[in-house]
């Protein structure tokens, strides 16, 4: 017996934002962002300690931040950005223990923005 299943997919990203060249996971850059803010209530949940993003380049990382993290918030000024952050430099009790793998493209800290 042969069963056919039709699956409908919805495209979530704008086609012009999808990289034309498929990059290997080794080519993603790990970015760490710290933001300027008055209170943590000005930020999306969990962003007060900073935000970790793996991306193709800086502009791709900013696009990920704007479309995944700051979708309902105005992105505050970036106080500091570290390119190719060494994960071991991050707080082991708060950040490392509550992050997803930084190998894949997207937000790896805080959780919940993928």
C-alpha atoms as a PDB file:
ATOM      1  CA  UNK A   1       0.000   0.000   0.000  1.00  0.00           C
ATOM      2  CA  UNK A   2       1.387   3.418  -0.978  1.00  0.00           C
ATOM      3  CA  UNK A   3       0.287   6.478   0.949  1.00  0.00           C
ATOM      4  CA  UNK A   4       0.877   9.993  -0.283  1.00  0.00           C
ATOM      5  CA  UNK A   5       0.983  12.851   2.181  1.00  0.00           C
ATOM      6  CA  UNK A   6       0.752  16.453   1.022  1.00  0.00           C
ATOM      7  CA  UNK A   7       2.452  18.949   3.254  1.00  0.00           C
ATOM      8  CA  UNK A   8       2.016  22.683   2.836  1.00  0.00           C
ATOM      9  CA  UNK A   9       4.920  24.859   3.946  1.00  0.00           C
ATOM     10  CA  UNK A  10       4.706  28.523   4.792  1.00  0.00           C
ATOM     11  CA  UNK A  11       7.699  30.699   3.987  1.00  0.00           C
ATOM     12  CA  UNK A  12       8.513  32.777   7.070  1.00  0.00           C
ATOM     13  CA  UNK A  13      11.500  34.726   5.763  1.00  0.00           C
ATOM     14  CA  UNK A  14      11.405  37.204   2.925  1.00  0.00           C
ATOM     15  CA  UNK A  15      13.117  35.636  -0.099  1.00  0.00           C
ATOM     16  CA  UNK A  16      15.531  38.570  -0.419  1.00  0.00           C
ATOM     17  CA  UNK A  17      16.768  37.895   3.129  1.00  0.00           C
ATOM     18  CA  UNK A  18      17.661  34.259   2.463  1.00  0.00           C
ATOM     19  CA  UNK A  19      21.371  33.993   1.653  1.00  0.00           C
ATOM     20  CA  UNK A  20      21.975  33.028  -1.964  1.00  0.00           C
ATOM     21  CA  UNK A  21      24.940  30.885  -1.005  1.00  0.00           C
ATOM     22  CA  UNK A  22      24.347  28.166   1.551  1.00  0.00           C
ATOM     23  CA  UNK A  23      26.973  28.619   4.213  1.00  0.00           C
ATOM     24  CA  UNK A  24      28.455  25.813   6.258  1.00  0.00           C
ATOM     25  CA  UNK A  25      28.045  26.002  10.022  1.00  0.00           C
ATOM     26  CA  UNK A  26      31.789  26.635  10.297  1.00  0.00           C
ATOM     27  CA  UNK A  27      31.321  29.975   8.534  1.00  0.00           C
ATOM     28  CA  UNK A  28      28.871  31.469  11.044  1.00  0.00           C
ATOM     29  CA  UNK A  29      30.227  34.191  13.286  1.00  0.00           C
ATOM     30  CA  UNK A  30      29.281  34.246  16.981  1.00  0.00           C
ATOM     31  CA  UNK A  31      28.257  37.770  18.031  1.00  0.00           C
ATOM     32  CA  UNK A  32      27.628  39.007  21.556  1.00  0.00           C
ATOM     33  CA  UNK A  33      25.591  42.200  21.929  1.00  0.00           C
ATOM     34  CA  UNK A  34      25.249  44.447  24.986  1.00  0.00           C
ATOM     35  CA  UNK A  35      22.627  47.189  24.860  1.00  0.00           C
ATOM     36  CA  UNK A  36      22.189  50.613  26.425  1.00  0.00           C
ATOM     37  CA  UNK A  37      18.956  50.757  28.434  1.00  0.00           C
ATOM     38  CA  UNK A  38      17.392  52.557  31.377  1.00  0.00           C
ATOM     39  CA  UNK A  39      15.536  49.566  32.838  1.00  0.00           C
ATOM     40  CA  UNK A  40      15.140  45.940  31.800  1.00  0.00           C
ATOM     41  CA  UNK A  41      11.468  46.748  31.201  1.00  0.00           C
ATOM     42  CA  UNK A  42      12.589  48.606  28.071  1.00  0.00           C
ATOM     43  CA  UNK A  43      13.866  45.304  26.641  1.00  0.00           C
ATOM     44  CA  UNK A  44      12.384  41.989  25.539  1.00  0.00           C
ATOM     45  CA  UNK A  45      12.530  39.288  28.251  1.00  0.00           C
ATOM     46  CA  UNK A  46      16.006  37.975  29.027  1.00  0.00           C
ATOM     47  CA  UNK A  47      17.991  40.555  27.060  1.00  0.00           C
ATOM     48  CA  UNK A  48      19.288  42.488  30.093  1.00  0.00           C
ATOM     49  CA  UNK A  49      22.472  40.398  30.288  1.00  0.00           C
ATOM     50  CA  UNK A  50      23.088  40.636  26.551  1.00  0.00           C
ATOM     51  CA  UNK A  51      22.254  38.634  23.479  1.00  0.00           C
ATOM     52  CA  UNK A  52      24.178  35.973  21.539  1.00  0.00           C
ATOM     53  CA  UNK A  53      23.603  35.553  17.811  1.00  0.00           C
ATOM     54  CA  UNK A  54      25.317  33.392  15.197  1.00  0.00           C
ATOM     55  CA  UNK A  55      25.141  34.868  11.722  1.00  0.00           C
ATOM     56  CA  UNK A  56      26.821  35.095   8.345  1.00  0.00           C
ATOM     57  CA  UNK A  57      27.992  38.667   9.015  1.00  0.00           C
ATOM     58  CA  UNK A  58      27.198  41.717  11.160  1.00  0.00           C
ATOM     59  CA  UNK A  59      24.276  42.859   8.990  1.00  0.00           C
ATOM     60  CA  UNK A  60      22.781  39.375   9.122  1.00  0.00           C
ATOM     61  CA  UNK A  61      23.106  39.416  12.937  1.00  0.00           C
ATOM     62  CA  UNK A  62      21.305  42.781  13.134  1.00  0.00           C
ATOM     63  CA  UNK A  63      18.563  41.432  10.868  1.00  0.00           C
ATOM     64  CA  UNK A  64      18.156  38.404  13.159  1.00  0.00           C
ATOM     65  CA  UNK A  65      17.946  40.683  16.207  1.00  0.00           C
ATOM     66  CA  UNK A  66      15.318  42.902  14.574  1.00  0.00           C
ATOM     67  CA  UNK A  67      13.153  40.053  13.278  1.00  0.00           C
ATOM     68  CA  UNK A  68      13.457  37.600  16.173  1.00  0.00           C
ATOM     69  CA  UNK A  69      14.200  39.539  19.363  1.00  0.00           C
ATOM     70  CA  UNK A  70      13.073  43.141  18.882  1.00  0.00           C
ATOM     71  CA  UNK A  71      10.001  42.371  16.804  1.00  0.00           C
ATOM     72  CA  UNK A  72       7.688  44.141  19.308  1.00  0.00           C
ATOM     73  CA  UNK A  73      10.294  46.495  20.817  1.00  0.00           C
ATOM     74  CA  UNK A  74      12.451  49.298  19.485  1.00  0.00           C
ATOM     75  CA  UNK A  75      16.032  48.045  19.457  1.00  0.00           C
ATOM     76  CA  UNK A  76      18.046  50.164  21.902  1.00  0.00           C
ATOM     77  CA  UNK A  77      21.494  51.457  20.969  1.00  0.00           C
ATOM     78  CA  UNK A  78      24.169  48.793  20.956  1.00  0.00           C
ATOM     79  CA  UNK A  79      26.682  49.539  23.703  1.00  0.00           C
ATOM     80  CA  UNK A  80      29.166  46.828  22.721  1.00  0.00           C
ATOM     81  CA  UNK A  81      29.450  44.058  20.170  1.00  0.00           C
ATOM     82  CA  UNK A  82      32.011  41.276  20.309  1.00  0.00           C
ATOM     83  CA  UNK A  83      32.645  39.397  17.099  1.00  0.00           C
ATOM     84  CA  UNK A  84      33.611  35.711  17.367  1.00  0.00           C
ATOM     85  CA  UNK A  85      33.010  35.690  21.132  1.00  0.00           C
ATOM     86  CA  UNK A  86      34.738  32.920  23.045  1.00  0.00           C
ATOM     87  CA  UNK A  87      31.829  31.155  24.772  1.00  0.00           C
ATOM     88  CA  UNK A  88      34.052  30.345  27.758  1.00  0.00           C
ATOM     89  CA  UNK A  89      34.224  34.093  28.532  1.00  0.00           C
ATOM     90  CA  UNK A  90      30.482  34.158  29.254  1.00  0.00           C
ATOM     91  CA  UNK A  91      28.913  33.677  32.681  1.00  0.00           C
ATOM     92  CA  UNK A  92      28.691  29.904  33.278  1.00  0.00           C
ATOM     93  CA  UNK A  93      25.858  30.135  35.812  1.00  0.00           C
ATOM     94  CA  UNK A  94      23.511  32.379  33.858  1.00  0.00           C
ATOM     95  CA  UNK A  95      24.460  32.400  30.199  1.00  0.00           C
ATOM     96  CA  UNK A  96      26.246  29.141  29.351  1.00  0.00           C
ATOM     97  CA  UNK A  97      23.768  27.042  31.325  1.00  0.00           C
ATOM     98  CA  UNK A  98      20.809  28.742  29.563  1.00  0.00           C
ATOM     99  CA  UNK A  99      21.828  28.896  25.935  1.00  0.00           C
ATOM    100  CA  UNK A 100      21.388  26.759  22.888  1.00  0.00           C
ATOM    101  CA  UNK A 101      24.197  25.712  20.585  1.00  0.00           C
ATOM    102  CA  UNK A 102      25.919  28.688  18.927  1.00  0.00           C
ATOM    103  CA  UNK A 103      26.763  26.545  15.903  1.00  0.00           C
ATOM    104  CA  UNK A 104      23.445  27.170  14.138  1.00  0.00           C
ATOM    105  CA  UNK A 105      22.401  30.487  12.616  1.00  0.00           C
ATOM    106  CA  UNK A 106      20.137  32.455  14.947  1.00  0.00           C
ATOM    107  CA  UNK A 107      19.742  33.606  18.542  1.00  0.00           C
ATOM    108  CA  UNK A 108      21.467  31.291  21.011  1.00  0.00           C
ATOM    109  CA  UNK A 109      21.063  33.455  24.115  1.00  0.00           C
ATOM    110  CA  UNK A 110      18.640  34.011  25.643  1.00  0.00           C
ATOM    111  CA  UNK A 111      16.431  31.052  24.883  1.00  0.00           C
ATOM    112  CA  UNK A 112      13.069  31.476  23.219  1.00  0.00           C
ATOM    113  CA  UNK A 113      13.944  33.632  20.207  1.00  0.00           C
ATOM    114  CA  UNK A 114      14.591  30.953  17.599  1.00  0.00           C
END
